[in-house]
Amino acid sequence: MVRKIGVLTSGGDAPGMNAAIRSVTRIALNNGIEVVGVHNGYKGLLDENFEPLTRASVSDIMDRGGTVLGSARLPEFREDEVQNQCIKNLKRAGIEALVVIGGDGSYRGGLSLTRKGINCIGLPGTIDNDIPGTDFTIGFDTALQTCVENVDKLRDTSSSHHRCSIVEVMGNHCGDLALYTAISCGAEMVITPETGYDELEVIEKLRYLGEAVHKNHAIVLISEKICDVDALAKKVTSMTDFSGRATVLGHIQRGGSPTPMDRMRASRMGEKAVDLLMEGIGGHCVGIIDNEIASVPIQEALERPRKSRKALYRLFDRLV
């Protein structure tokens, strides 16, 4: 029976991480298991930046964005020597197992520790929704709400000035934020890694919307890292009837109080993580699949293709 577990958040922060920390802490304590918070991700393991967590420690954090434990990058964690030192630090603190909340890089770190004797369970915490093994990640729903709220406001001003608003959202090579926002906001175009990018096709479609359909505004959603949106906006202005304007939502998408959906997902996933560790299981990640909580081995999850969004892209095309 595990007697003391640690919990850490790693990689980019995501709304709902605090709800997961709270869930892990409360579920463990209610089963007689001590909980230690590790500050600043895997760097905290190396620095022995540990804090005992109590029921009071995690009170009133569920509605807060970000992560109360902090996060930091530690590229050198890939090295055996660094991992071995972290394991020594964990054992010295009496920490027998670990819950890791983060992305696929965090998962790989947890898998390495599991293979060296410290059972780890991964929880998917990222706004990008780009982690295999789950339909939705902790933080995606809140980021989507932020995107929708901002695009709705841009539509108001775009329609007043005959503009085409080109809105870049995050995603890290995953188009879900752009796609879900585009459908939710009634955008005219969506450009993601899944759709590909043809600049001439974009210009031609916008020219058609302005000249033939006589639309007085247009919204284009585009995933980050695909093109220079400012340069595209200038071309829209010079080559179509629209006045192009680029908006990069940036890190505003990471912030804000998590939605009830993200709080629920995080709470359910945290419960599952503790249950798995109590069963002596490590090297697994928790996800939500078809609205059910499930776990799969991390290695298997990382090798799986992400769930296809073809049906949603088809829906978008039929709605335009």
C-alpha atoms as a PDB file:
ATOM      1  CA  MET A   1       0.000   0.000   0.000  1.00  0.00           C
ATOM      2  CA  VAL A   2       1.430   3.360  -1.023  1.00  0.00           C
ATOM      3  CA  ARG A   3       1.847   5.687   1.974  1.00  0.00           C
ATOM      4  CA  LYS A   4       3.106   8.953   0.466  1.00  0.00           C
ATOM      5  CA  ILE A   5       2.704  10.378  -3.037  1.00  0.00           C
ATOM      6  CA  GLY A   6       3.904  13.505  -4.777  1.00  0.00           C
ATOM      7  CA  VAL A   7       2.130  15.687  -7.314  1.00  0.00           C
ATOM      8  CA  LEU A   8       3.677  18.098  -9.810  1.00  0.00           C
ATOM      9  CA  THR A   9       2.690  20.211 -12.810  1.00  0.00           C
ATOM     10  CA  SER A  10       5.023  20.412 -15.774  1.00  0.00           C
ATOM     11  CA  GLY A  11       5.235  22.208 -19.113  1.00  0.00           C
ATOM     12  CA  GLY A  12       2.859  25.019 -20.018  1.00  0.00           C
ATOM     13  CA  ASP A  13       0.225  25.873 -17.428  1.00  0.00           C
ATOM     14  CA  ALA A  14      -3.437  25.154 -18.147  1.00  0.00           C
ATOM     15  CA  PRO A  15      -6.657  26.183 -16.382  1.00  0.00           C
ATOM     16  CA  GLY A  16      -7.875  23.253 -14.303  1.00  0.00           C
ATOM     17  CA  MET A  17      -4.460  22.121 -13.093  1.00  0.00           C
ATOM     18  CA  ASN A  18      -5.296  23.406  -9.612  1.00  0.00           C
ATOM     19  CA  ALA A  19      -8.522  21.414  -9.591  1.00  0.00           C
ATOM     20  CA  ALA A  20      -6.460  18.316 -10.400  1.00  0.00           C
ATOM     21  CA  ILE A  21      -3.990  19.085  -7.596  1.00  0.00           C
ATOM     22  CA  ARG A  22      -6.906  19.505  -5.203  1.00  0.00           C
ATOM     23  CA  SER A  23      -8.513  16.249  -6.307  1.00  0.00           C
ATOM     24  CA  VAL A  24      -5.311  14.240  -5.986  1.00  0.00           C
ATOM     25  CA  THR A  25      -4.656  15.712  -2.545  1.00  0.00           C
ATOM     26  CA  ARG A  26      -8.149  15.273  -1.128  1.00  0.00           C
ATOM     27  CA  ILE A  27      -8.650  11.738  -2.501  1.00  0.00           C
ATOM     28  CA  ALA A  28      -5.252  10.610  -1.213  1.00  0.00           C
ATOM     29  CA  LEU A  29      -5.667  12.153   2.243  1.00  0.00           C
ATOM     30  CA  ASN A  30      -9.106  10.588   2.582  1.00  0.00           C
ATOM     31  CA  ASN A  31      -7.436   7.217   1.988  1.00  0.00           C
ATOM     32  CA  GLY A  32      -4.731   7.768   4.599  1.00  0.00           C
ATOM     33  CA  ILE A  33      -2.016   8.688   2.085  1.00  0.00           C
ATOM     34  CA  GLU A  34       0.307  11.637   2.680  1.00  0.00           C
ATOM     35  CA  VAL A  35       0.692  14.100  -0.197  1.00  0.00           C
ATOM     36  CA  VAL A  36       3.686  16.240  -1.133  1.00  0.00           C
ATOM     37  CA  GLY A  37       3.514  19.056  -3.658  1.00  0.00           C
ATOM     38  CA  VAL A  38       6.557  19.394  -5.896  1.00  0.00           C
ATOM     39  CA  HIS A  39       7.157  22.993  -6.918  1.00  0.00           C
ATOM     40  CA  ASN A  40       8.296  23.901 -10.449  1.00  0.00           C
ATOM     41  CA  GLY A  41       7.834  20.550 -12.149  1.00  0.00           C
ATOM     42  CA  TYR A  42      10.728  18.160 -12.638  1.00  0.00           C
ATOM     43  CA  LYS A  43      13.118  20.937 -11.636  1.00  0.00           C
ATOM     44  CA  GLY A  44      11.511  20.756  -8.199  1.00  0.00           C
ATOM     45  CA  LEU A  45      12.409  17.075  -7.989  1.00  0.00           C
ATOM     46  CA  LEU A  46      16.035  17.930  -8.648  1.00  0.00           C
ATOM     47  CA  ASP A  47      16.051  20.876  -6.230  1.00  0.00           C
ATOM     48  CA  GLU A  48      14.027  18.982  -3.563  1.00  0.00           C
ATOM     49  CA  ASN A  49      11.483  21.785  -3.596  1.00  0.00           C
ATOM     50  CA  PHE A  50       8.837  19.864  -1.681  1.00  0.00           C
ATOM     51  CA  GLU A  51       5.854  20.991   0.381  1.00  0.00           C
ATOM     52  CA  PRO A  52       3.506  18.751   2.402  1.00  0.00           C
ATOM     53  CA  LEU A  53      -0.059  19.308   1.235  1.00  0.00           C
ATOM     54  CA  THR A  54      -3.060  19.288   3.553  1.00  0.00           C
ATOM     55  CA  ARG A  55      -6.774  19.769   3.055  1.00  0.00           C
ATOM     56  CA  ALA A  56      -6.249  23.439   3.889  1.00  0.00           C
ATOM     57  CA  SER A  57      -3.380  23.714   1.384  1.00  0.00           C
ATOM     58  CA  VAL A  58      -5.744  23.017  -1.496  1.00  0.00           C
ATOM     59  CA  SER A  59      -8.786  24.910  -0.265  1.00  0.00           C
ATOM     60  CA  ASP A  60     -10.027  27.697  -2.522  1.00  0.00           C
ATOM     61  CA  ILE A  61      -7.731  26.883  -5.443  1.00  0.00           C
ATOM     62  CA  MET A  62     -10.199  25.143  -7.763  1.00  0.00           C
ATOM     63  CA  ASP A  63     -11.377  28.366  -9.416  1.00  0.00           C
ATOM     64  CA  ARG A  64      -7.872  29.748  -9.941  1.00  0.00           C
ATOM     65  CA  GLY A  65      -6.100  29.620 -13.285  1.00  0.00           C
ATOM     66  CA  GLY A  66      -2.474  28.588 -13.671  1.00  0.00           C
ATOM     67  CA  THR A  67      -0.898  26.224 -11.159  1.00  0.00           C
ATOM     68  CA  VAL A  68      -0.205  26.884  -7.487  1.00  0.00           C
ATOM     69  CA  LEU A  69       2.754  24.497  -7.672  1.00  0.00           C
ATOM     70  CA  GLY A  70       4.394  26.372 -10.528  1.00  0.00           C
ATOM     71  CA  SER A  71       6.007  24.906 -13.612  1.00  0.00           C
ATOM     72  CA  ALA A  72       9.471  25.002 -15.172  1.00  0.00           C
ATOM     73  CA  ARG A  73      11.382  23.377 -18.007  1.00  0.00           C
ATOM     74  CA  LEU A  74      14.195  20.915 -17.248  1.00  0.00           C
ATOM     75  CA  PRO A  75      15.588  19.614 -20.590  1.00  0.00           C
ATOM     76  CA  GLU A  76      18.403  17.809 -18.783  1.00  0.00           C
ATOM     77  CA  PHE A  77      15.835  15.533 -17.107  1.00  0.00           C
ATOM     78  CA  ARG A  78      16.345  13.277 -20.134  1.00  0.00           C
ATOM     79  CA  GLU A  79      19.769  12.378 -18.748  1.00  0.00           C
ATOM     80  CA  ASP A  80      20.040   9.212 -16.627  1.00  0.00           C
ATOM     81  CA  GLU A  81      22.209  10.956 -14.059  1.00  0.00           C
ATOM     82  CA  VAL A  82      19.573  13.650 -13.461  1.00  0.00           C
ATOM     83  CA  GLN A  83      16.759  11.099 -13.245  1.00  0.00           C
ATOM     84  CA  ASN A  84      18.722   9.010 -10.765  1.00  0.00           C
ATOM     85  CA  GLN A  85      19.334  12.055  -8.561  1.00  0.00           C
ATOM     86  CA  CYS A  86      15.624  12.896  -8.640  1.00  0.00           C
ATOM     87  CA  ILE A  87      14.799   9.342  -7.566  1.00  0.00           C
ATOM     88  CA  LYS A  88      17.267   9.636  -4.662  1.00  0.00           C
ATOM     89  CA  ASN A  89      15.593  12.879  -3.618  1.00  0.00           C
ATOM     90  CA  LEU A  90      12.131  11.288  -3.791  1.00  0.00           C
ATOM     91  CA  LYS A  91      13.226   8.313  -1.710  1.00  0.00           C
ATOM     92  CA  ARG A  92      14.901  10.576   0.846  1.00  0.00           C
ATOM     93  CA  ALA A  93      11.579  12.402   1.230  1.00  0.00           C
ATOM     94  CA  GLY A  94       9.708   9.086   1.499  1.00  0.00           C
ATOM     95  CA  ILE A  95       7.732   9.748  -1.692  1.00  0.00           C
ATOM     96  CA  GLU A  96       6.831   6.386  -3.212  1.00  0.00           C
ATOM     97  CA  ALA A  97       4.794   7.434  -6.241  1.00  0.00           C
ATOM     98  CA  LEU A  98       4.021  10.517  -8.315  1.00  0.00           C
ATOM     99  CA  VAL A  99       1.161  12.162 -10.204  1.00  0.00           C
ATOM    100  CA  VAL A 100       2.449  14.207 -13.144  1.00  0.00           C
ATOM    101  CA  ILE A 101       0.114  16.798 -14.700  1.00  0.00           C
ATOM    102  CA  GLY A 102       1.264  18.073 -18.082  1.00  0.00           C
ATOM    103  CA  GLY A 103       1.835  17.222 -21.731  1.00  0.00           C
ATOM    104  CA  ASP A 104       3.501  14.406 -23.626  1.00  0.00           C
ATOM    105  CA  GLY A 105       6.984  15.495 -22.516  1.00  0.00           C
ATOM    106  CA  SER A 106       5.801  15.273 -18.917  1.00  0.00           C
ATOM    107  CA  TYR A 107       4.392  11.834 -19.682  1.00  0.00           C
ATOM    108  CA  ARG A 108       7.766  10.661 -20.981  1.00  0.00           C
ATOM    109  CA  GLY A 109       9.430  11.859 -17.790  1.00  0.00           C
ATOM    110  CA  GLY A 110       6.898   9.947 -15.703  1.00  0.00           C
ATOM    111  CA  LEU A 111       7.434   6.820 -17.778  1.00  0.00           C
ATOM    112  CA  SER A 112      11.196   7.029 -17.203  1.00  0.00           C
ATOM    113  CA  LEU A 113      10.725   7.290 -13.444  1.00  0.00           C
ATOM    114  CA  THR A 114       8.280   4.368 -13.458  1.00  0.00           C
ATOM    115  CA  ARG A 115      10.831   2.190 -15.246  1.00  0.00           C
ATOM    116  CA  LYS A 116      13.297   3.060 -12.486  1.00  0.00           C
ATOM    117  CA  GLY A 117      10.967   2.107  -9.647  1.00  0.00           C
ATOM    118  CA  ILE A 118       8.833   5.189  -8.899  1.00  0.00           C
ATOM    119  CA  ASN A 119       5.267   4.585 -10.085  1.00  0.00           C
ATOM    120  CA  CYS A 120       3.956   7.604 -11.976  1.00  0.00           C
ATOM    121  CA  ILE A 121       0.534   8.433 -13.386  1.00  0.00           C
ATOM    122  CA  GLY A 122       0.140  11.134 -16.025  1.00  0.00           C
ATOM    123  CA  LEU A 123      -2.794  13.555 -16.253  1.00  0.00           C
ATOM    124  CA  PRO A 124      -3.258  15.504 -19.520  1.00  0.00           C
ATOM    125  CA  GLY A 125      -2.862  19.193 -18.683  1.00  0.00           C
ATOM    126  CA  THR A 126      -2.580  21.446 -21.745  1.00  0.00           C
ATOM    127  CA  ILE A 127      -4.810  23.909 -23.568  1.00  0.00           C
ATOM    128  CA  ASP A 128      -3.741  22.516 -26.960  1.00  0.00           C
ATOM    129  CA  ASN A 129      -5.711  19.250 -26.716  1.00  0.00           C
ATOM    130  CA  ASP A 130      -2.790  17.562 -28.431  1.00  0.00           C
ATOM    131  CA  ILE A 131      -2.183  14.605 -26.113  1.00  0.00           C
ATOM    132  CA  PRO A 132      -3.093  11.125 -27.368  1.00  0.00           C
ATOM    133  CA  GLY A 133      -5.009   8.816 -25.069  1.00  0.00           C
ATOM    134  CA  THR A 134      -7.763  11.297 -24.239  1.00  0.00           C
ATOM    135  CA  ASP A 135     -10.515  13.040 -26.184  1.00  0.00           C
ATOM    136  CA  PHE A 136     -10.067  16.245 -24.201  1.00  0.00           C
ATOM    137  CA  THR A 137      -7.300  17.636 -22.021  1.00  0.00           C
ATOM    138  CA  ILE A 138      -7.515  19.669 -18.827  1.00  0.00           C
ATOM    139  CA  GLY A 139      -7.550  23.318 -19.911  1.00  0.00           C
ATOM    140  CA  PHE A 140      -8.859  22.935 -23.460  1.00  0.00           C
ATOM    141  CA  ASP A 141     -12.444  23.885 -22.659  1.00  0.00           C
ATOM    142  CA  THR A 142     -11.402  27.064 -20.838  1.00  0.00           C
ATOM    143  CA  ALA A 143      -9.033  28.103 -23.628  1.00  0.00           C
ATOM    144  CA  LEU A 144     -11.803  27.464 -26.160  1.00  0.00           C
ATOM    145  CA  GLN A 145     -14.170  29.692 -24.202  1.00  0.00           C
ATOM    146  CA  THR A 146     -11.541  32.458 -24.167  1.00  0.00           C
ATOM    147  CA  CYS A 147     -11.053  32.133 -27.924  1.00  0.00           C
ATOM    148  CA  VAL A 148     -14.785  32.225 -28.614  1.00  0.00           C
ATOM    149  CA  GLU A 149     -15.352  35.275 -26.415  1.00  0.00           C
ATOM    150  CA  ASN A 150     -12.571  37.199 -28.174  1.00  0.00           C
ATOM    151  CA  VAL A 151     -13.562  36.198 -31.692  1.00  0.00           C
ATOM    152  CA  ASP A 152     -17.173  37.180 -30.982  1.00  0.00           C
ATOM    153  CA  LYS A 153     -15.924  40.652 -30.038  1.00  0.00           C
ATOM    154  CA  LEU A 154     -13.774  40.874 -33.148  1.00  0.00           C
ATOM    155  CA  ARG A 155     -16.764  39.992 -35.301  1.00  0.00           C
ATOM    156  CA  ASP A 156     -18.662  42.972 -33.898  1.00  0.00           C
ATOM    157  CA  THR A 157     -15.986  45.437 -34.958  1.00  0.00           C
ATOM    158  CA  SER A 158     -15.194  43.614 -38.231  1.00  0.00           C
ATOM    159  CA  SER A 159     -18.779  43.919 -39.441  1.00  0.00           C
ATOM    160  CA  SER A 160     -18.705  47.646 -38.710  1.00  0.00           C
ATOM    161  CA  HIS A 161     -15.597  48.309 -40.825  1.00  0.00           C
ATOM    162  CA  HIS A 162     -15.784  45.771 -43.686  1.00  0.00           C
ATOM    163  CA  ARG A 163     -12.839  43.888 -42.264  1.00  0.00           C
ATOM    164  CA  CYS A 164     -11.438  40.407 -42.471  1.00  0.00           C
ATOM    165  CA  SER A 165     -10.133  39.418 -39.050  1.00  0.00           C
ATOM    166  CA  ILE A 166      -7.403  36.805 -39.219  1.00  0.00           C
ATOM    167  CA  VAL A 167      -7.173  35.309 -35.751  1.00  0.00           C
ATOM    168  CA  GLU A 168      -4.213  33.164 -34.710  1.00  0.00           C
ATOM    169  CA  VAL A 169      -4.839  30.770 -31.839  1.00  0.00           C
ATOM    170  CA  MET A 170      -2.558  28.336 -30.034  1.00  0.00           C
ATOM    171  CA  GLY A 171      -2.445  24.629 -30.720  1.00  0.00           C
ATOM    172  CA  ASN A 172       1.184  23.474 -31.039  1.00  0.00           C
ATOM    173  CA  HIS A 173       0.647  21.609 -34.328  1.00  0.00           C
ATOM    174  CA  CYS A 174      -2.871  20.577 -33.291  1.00  0.00           C
ATOM    175  CA  GLY A 175      -5.810  22.350 -34.934  1.00  0.00           C
ATOM    176  CA  ASP A 176      -8.498  21.675 -32.327  1.00  0.00           C
ATOM    177  CA  LEU A 177      -8.615  25.163 -30.809  1.00  0.00           C
ATOM    178  CA  ALA A 178      -8.913  26.754 -34.246  1.00  0.00           C
ATOM    179  CA  LEU A 179     -11.479  24.225 -35.483  1.00  0.00           C
ATOM    180  CA  TYR A 180     -13.741  24.303 -32.419  1.00  0.00           C
ATOM    181  CA  THR A 181     -13.565  28.115 -32.310  1.00  0.00           C
ATOM    182  CA  ALA A 182     -14.347  28.392 -36.015  1.00  0.00           C
ATOM    183  CA  ILE A 183     -17.460  26.236 -35.682  1.00  0.00           C
ATOM    184  CA  SER A 184     -18.578  27.977 -32.490  1.00  0.00           C
ATOM    185  CA  CYS A 185     -18.159  31.469 -33.967  1.00  0.00           C
ATOM    186  CA  GLY A 186     -19.413  30.853 -37.497  1.00  0.00           C
ATOM    187  CA  ALA A 187     -16.054  31.676 -39.107  1.00  0.00           C
ATOM    188  CA  GLU A 188     -15.719  31.802 -42.875  1.00  0.00           C
ATOM    189  CA  MET A 189     -12.421  29.887 -42.970  1.00  0.00           C
ATOM    190  CA  VAL A 190     -10.300  27.683 -40.728  1.00  0.00           C
ATOM    191  CA  ILE A 191      -6.638  26.895 -41.405  1.00  0.00           C
ATOM    192  CA  THR A 192      -4.891  24.200 -39.377  1.00  0.00           C
ATOM    193  CA  PRO A 193      -2.150  21.605 -39.819  1.00  0.00           C
ATOM    194  CA  GLU A 194      -4.938  19.199 -40.810  1.00  0.00           C
ATOM    195  CA  THR A 195      -6.300  21.441 -43.604  1.00  0.00           C
ATOM    196  CA  GLY A 196      -2.950  22.615 -44.914  1.00  0.00           C
ATOM    197  CA  TYR A 197      -2.263  26.166 -46.076  1.00  0.00           C
ATOM    198  CA  ASP A 198      -2.614  27.507 -49.606  1.00  0.00           C
ATOM    199  CA  GLU A 199      -2.287  31.300 -49.584  1.00  0.00           C
ATOM    200  CA  LEU A 200      -3.688  31.725 -53.098  1.00  0.00           C
ATOM    201  CA  GLU A 201      -6.739  29.657 -52.160  1.00  0.00           C
ATOM    202  CA  VAL A 202      -7.305  31.834 -49.073  1.00  0.00           C
ATOM    203  CA  ILE A 203      -7.112  35.052 -51.100  1.00  0.00           C
ATOM    204  CA  GLU A 204      -9.388  33.698 -53.830  1.00  0.00           C
ATOM    205  CA  LYS A 205     -12.038  32.600 -51.357  1.00  0.00           C
ATOM    206  CA  LEU A 206     -12.005  35.960 -49.559  1.00  0.00           C
ATOM    207  CA  ARG A 207     -12.196  37.766 -52.881  1.00  0.00           C
ATOM    208  CA  TYR A 208     -15.243  35.667 -53.774  1.00  0.00           C
ATOM    209  CA  LEU A 209     -16.900  36.396 -50.409  1.00  0.00           C
ATOM    210  CA  GLY A 210     -16.373  40.114 -50.837  1.00  0.00           C
ATOM    211  CA  GLU A 211     -17.130  40.547 -54.539  1.00  0.00           C
ATOM    212  CA  ALA A 212     -19.712  37.845 -55.286  1.00  0.00           C
ATOM    213  CA  VAL A 213     -21.405  37.180 -51.949  1.00  0.00           C
ATOM    214  CA  HIS A 214     -21.060  40.831 -50.808  1.00  0.00           C
ATOM    215  CA  LYS A 215     -20.249  39.901 -47.212  1.00  0.00           C
ATOM    216  CA  ASN A 216     -19.376  42.923 -45.118  1.00  0.00           C
ATOM    217  CA  HIS A 217     -16.946  41.018 -42.892  1.00  0.00           C
ATOM    218  CA  ALA A 218     -15.070  37.719 -42.628  1.00  0.00           C
ATOM    219  CA  ILE A 219     -13.409  35.747 -39.854  1.00  0.00           C
ATOM    220  CA  VAL A 220     -10.458  33.433 -40.547  1.00  0.00           C
ATOM    221  CA  LEU A 221      -9.202  31.147 -37.742  1.00  0.00           C
ATOM    222  CA  ILE A 222      -5.641  29.926 -38.093  1.00  0.00           C
ATOM    223  CA  SER A 223      -3.453  27.730 -35.892  1.00  0.00           C
ATOM    224  CA  GLU A 224      -0.108  29.092 -34.716  1.00  0.00           C
ATOM    225  CA  LYS A 225       3.137  28.287 -36.586  1.00  0.00           C
ATOM    226  CA  ILE A 226       1.431  28.058 -39.993  1.00  0.00           C
ATOM    227  CA  CYS A 227       2.147  31.486 -41.496  1.00  0.00           C
ATOM    228  CA  ASP A 228       2.892  35.119 -40.709  1.00  0.00           C
ATOM    229  CA  VAL A 229      -0.619  36.399 -40.009  1.00  0.00           C
ATOM    230  CA  ASP A 230       0.420  40.061 -40.257  1.00  0.00           C
ATOM    231  CA  ALA A 231       1.822  39.479 -43.742  1.00  0.00           C
ATOM    232  CA  LEU A 232      -1.335  37.590 -44.728  1.00  0.00           C
ATOM    233  CA  ALA A 233      -3.536  40.441 -43.453  1.00  0.00           C
ATOM    234  CA  LYS A 234      -1.623  42.933 -45.629  1.00  0.00           C
ATOM    235  CA  LYS A 235      -2.178  40.744 -48.685  1.00  0.00           C
ATOM    236  CA  VAL A 236      -5.875  40.494 -47.880  1.00  0.00           C
ATOM    237  CA  THR A 237      -6.056  44.297 -47.802  1.00  0.00           C
ATOM    238  CA  SER A 238      -4.229  44.715 -51.126  1.00  0.00           C
ATOM    239  CA  MET A 239      -5.852  41.833 -53.028  1.00  0.00           C
ATOM    240  CA  THR A 240      -9.485  41.685 -51.807  1.00  0.00           C
ATOM    241  CA  ASP A 241     -12.353  44.026 -50.947  1.00  0.00           C
ATOM    242  CA  PHE A 242     -11.698  43.468 -47.234  1.00  0.00           C
ATOM    243  CA  SER A 243      -9.455  45.410 -44.913  1.00  0.00           C
ATOM    244  CA  GLY A 244      -7.289  42.720 -43.361  1.00  0.00           C
ATOM    245  CA  ARG A 245      -6.495  42.776 -39.656  1.00  0.00           C
ATOM    246  CA  ALA A 246      -4.412  40.196 -37.796  1.00  0.00           C
ATOM    247  CA  THR A 247      -4.995  39.327 -34.144  1.00  0.00           C
ATOM    248  CA  VAL A 248      -2.745  36.951 -32.218  1.00  0.00           C
ATOM    249  CA  LEU A 249      -4.552  35.855 -29.054  1.00  0.00           C
ATOM    250  CA  GLY A 250      -1.333  34.555 -27.512  1.00  0.00           C
ATOM    251  CA  HIS A 251      -0.997  33.664 -23.842  1.00  0.00           C
ATOM    252  CA  ILE A 252      -4.347  35.157 -22.897  1.00  0.00           C
ATOM    253  CA  GLN A 253      -5.620  31.704 -23.896  1.00  0.00           C
ATOM    254  CA  ARG A 254      -3.760  30.118 -20.974  1.00  0.00           C
ATOM    255  CA  GLY A 255      -5.306  32.310 -18.304  1.00  0.00           C
ATOM    256  CA  GLY A 256      -8.613  32.707 -16.562  1.00  0.00           C
ATOM    257  CA  SER A 257     -10.748  30.774 -14.146  1.00  0.00           C
ATOM    258  CA  PRO A 258     -11.349  27.222 -15.422  1.00  0.00           C
ATOM    259  CA  THR A 259     -14.781  26.371 -16.747  1.00  0.00           C
ATOM    260  CA  PRO A 260     -16.998  23.942 -14.817  1.00  0.00           C
ATOM    261  CA  MET A 261     -16.196  21.328 -17.495  1.00  0.00           C
ATOM    262  CA  ASP A 262     -12.449  21.621 -16.889  1.00  0.00           C
ATOM    263  CA  ARG A 263     -12.959  21.501 -13.116  1.00  0.00           C
ATOM    264  CA  MET A 264     -15.031  18.333 -13.479  1.00  0.00           C
ATOM    265  CA  ARG A 265     -12.564  16.638 -15.832  1.00  0.00           C
ATOM    266  CA  ALA A 266      -9.629  17.508 -13.601  1.00  0.00           C
ATOM    267  CA  SER A 267     -11.409  16.251 -10.484  1.00  0.00           C
ATOM    268  CA  ARG A 268     -12.397  12.966 -12.101  1.00  0.00           C
ATOM    269  CA  MET A 269      -8.939  12.407 -13.550  1.00  0.00           C
ATOM    270  CA  GLY A 270      -7.278  13.179 -10.212  1.00  0.00           C
ATOM    271  CA  GLU A 271      -9.453  10.589  -8.500  1.00  0.00           C
ATOM    272  CA  LYS A 272      -8.521   7.965 -11.102  1.00  0.00           C
ATOM    273  CA  ALA A 273      -4.809   8.732 -10.719  1.00  0.00           C
ATOM    274  CA  VAL A 274      -4.866   8.082  -6.965  1.00  0.00           C
ATOM    275  CA  ASP A 275      -6.937   4.908  -7.425  1.00  0.00           C
ATOM    276  CA  LEU A 276      -4.351   3.573  -9.885  1.00  0.00           C
ATOM    277  CA  LEU A 277      -1.449   4.289  -7.540  1.00  0.00           C
ATOM    278  CA  MET A 278      -3.322   2.591  -4.689  1.00  0.00           C
ATOM    279  CA  GLU A 279      -3.589  -0.471  -6.925  1.00  0.00           C
ATOM    280  CA  GLY A 280       0.185  -0.408  -7.455  1.00  0.00           C
ATOM    281  CA  ILE A 281      -0.110   0.665 -11.090  1.00  0.00           C
ATOM    282  CA  GLY A 282       2.427   3.021 -12.650  1.00  0.00           C
ATOM    283  CA  GLY A 283       3.398   4.151 -16.122  1.00  0.00           C
ATOM    284  CA  HIS A 284      -0.210   4.875 -17.071  1.00  0.00           C
ATOM    285  CA  CYS A 285      -1.927   8.059 -18.171  1.00  0.00           C
ATOM    286  CA  VAL A 286      -5.523   8.987 -17.452  1.00  0.00           C
ATOM    287  CA  GLY A 287      -7.878  10.258 -20.109  1.00  0.00           C
ATOM    288  CA  ILE A 288     -11.501  10.782 -20.942  1.00  0.00           C
ATOM    289  CA  ILE A 289     -12.714   8.669 -23.845  1.00  0.00           C
ATOM    290  CA  ASP A 290     -16.342   8.808 -24.971  1.00  0.00           C
ATOM    291  CA  ASN A 291     -17.063  10.697 -21.733  1.00  0.00           C
ATOM    292  CA  GLU A 292     -15.712   7.881 -19.583  1.00  0.00           C
ATOM    293  CA  ILE A 293     -12.580   8.029 -17.450  1.00  0.00           C
ATOM    294  CA  ALA A 294     -10.013   5.472 -18.577  1.00  0.00           C
ATOM    295  CA  SER A 295      -6.298   4.791 -18.322  1.00  0.00           C
ATOM    296  CA  VAL A 296      -3.803   3.308 -20.752  1.00  0.00           C
ATOM    297  CA  PRO A 297      -0.064   2.670 -20.557  1.00  0.00           C
ATOM    298  CA  ILE A 298       1.822   5.868 -21.379  1.00  0.00           C
ATOM    299  CA  GLN A 299       3.885   4.158 -24.071  1.00  0.00           C
ATOM    300  CA  GLU A 300       0.737   2.912 -25.785  1.00  0.00           C
ATOM    301  CA  ALA A 301      -0.875   6.359 -25.602  1.00  0.00           C
ATOM    302  CA  LEU A 302       2.174   8.069 -27.110  1.00  0.00           C
ATOM    303  CA  GLU A 303       2.166   5.627 -30.018  1.00  0.00           C
ATOM    304  CA  ARG A 304      -1.536   6.057 -30.770  1.00  0.00           C
ATOM    305  CA  PRO A 305      -2.663   8.411 -33.520  1.00  0.00           C
ATOM    306  CA  ARG A 306      -4.794  11.280 -32.298  1.00  0.00           C
ATOM    307  CA  LYS A 307      -8.524  10.893 -32.729  1.00  0.00           C
ATOM    308  CA  SER A 308      -9.621  12.038 -36.188  1.00  0.00           C
ATOM    309  CA  ARG A 309     -11.581  15.282 -36.467  1.00  0.00           C
ATOM    310  CA  LYS A 310     -12.725  14.585 -40.029  1.00  0.00           C
ATOM    311  CA  ALA A 311     -16.388  14.685 -39.049  1.00  0.00           C
ATOM    312  CA  LEU A 312     -15.940  18.151 -37.494  1.00  0.00           C
ATOM    313  CA  TYR A 313     -14.064  19.501 -40.521  1.00  0.00           C
ATOM    314  CA  ARG A 314     -16.864  18.158 -42.703  1.00  0.00           C
ATOM    315  CA  LEU A 315     -19.406  19.876 -40.434  1.00  0.00           C
ATOM    316  CA  PHE A 316     -17.519  23.162 -40.748  1.00  0.00           C
ATOM    317  CA  ASP A 317     -17.469  22.907 -44.547  1.00  0.00           C
ATOM    318  CA  ARG A 318     -21.210  22.248 -44.645  1.00  0.00           C
ATOM    319  CA  LEU A 319     -21.945  25.206 -42.369  1.00  0.00           C
ATOM    320  CA  VAL A 320     -20.000  27.808 -44.353  1.00  0.00           C
END
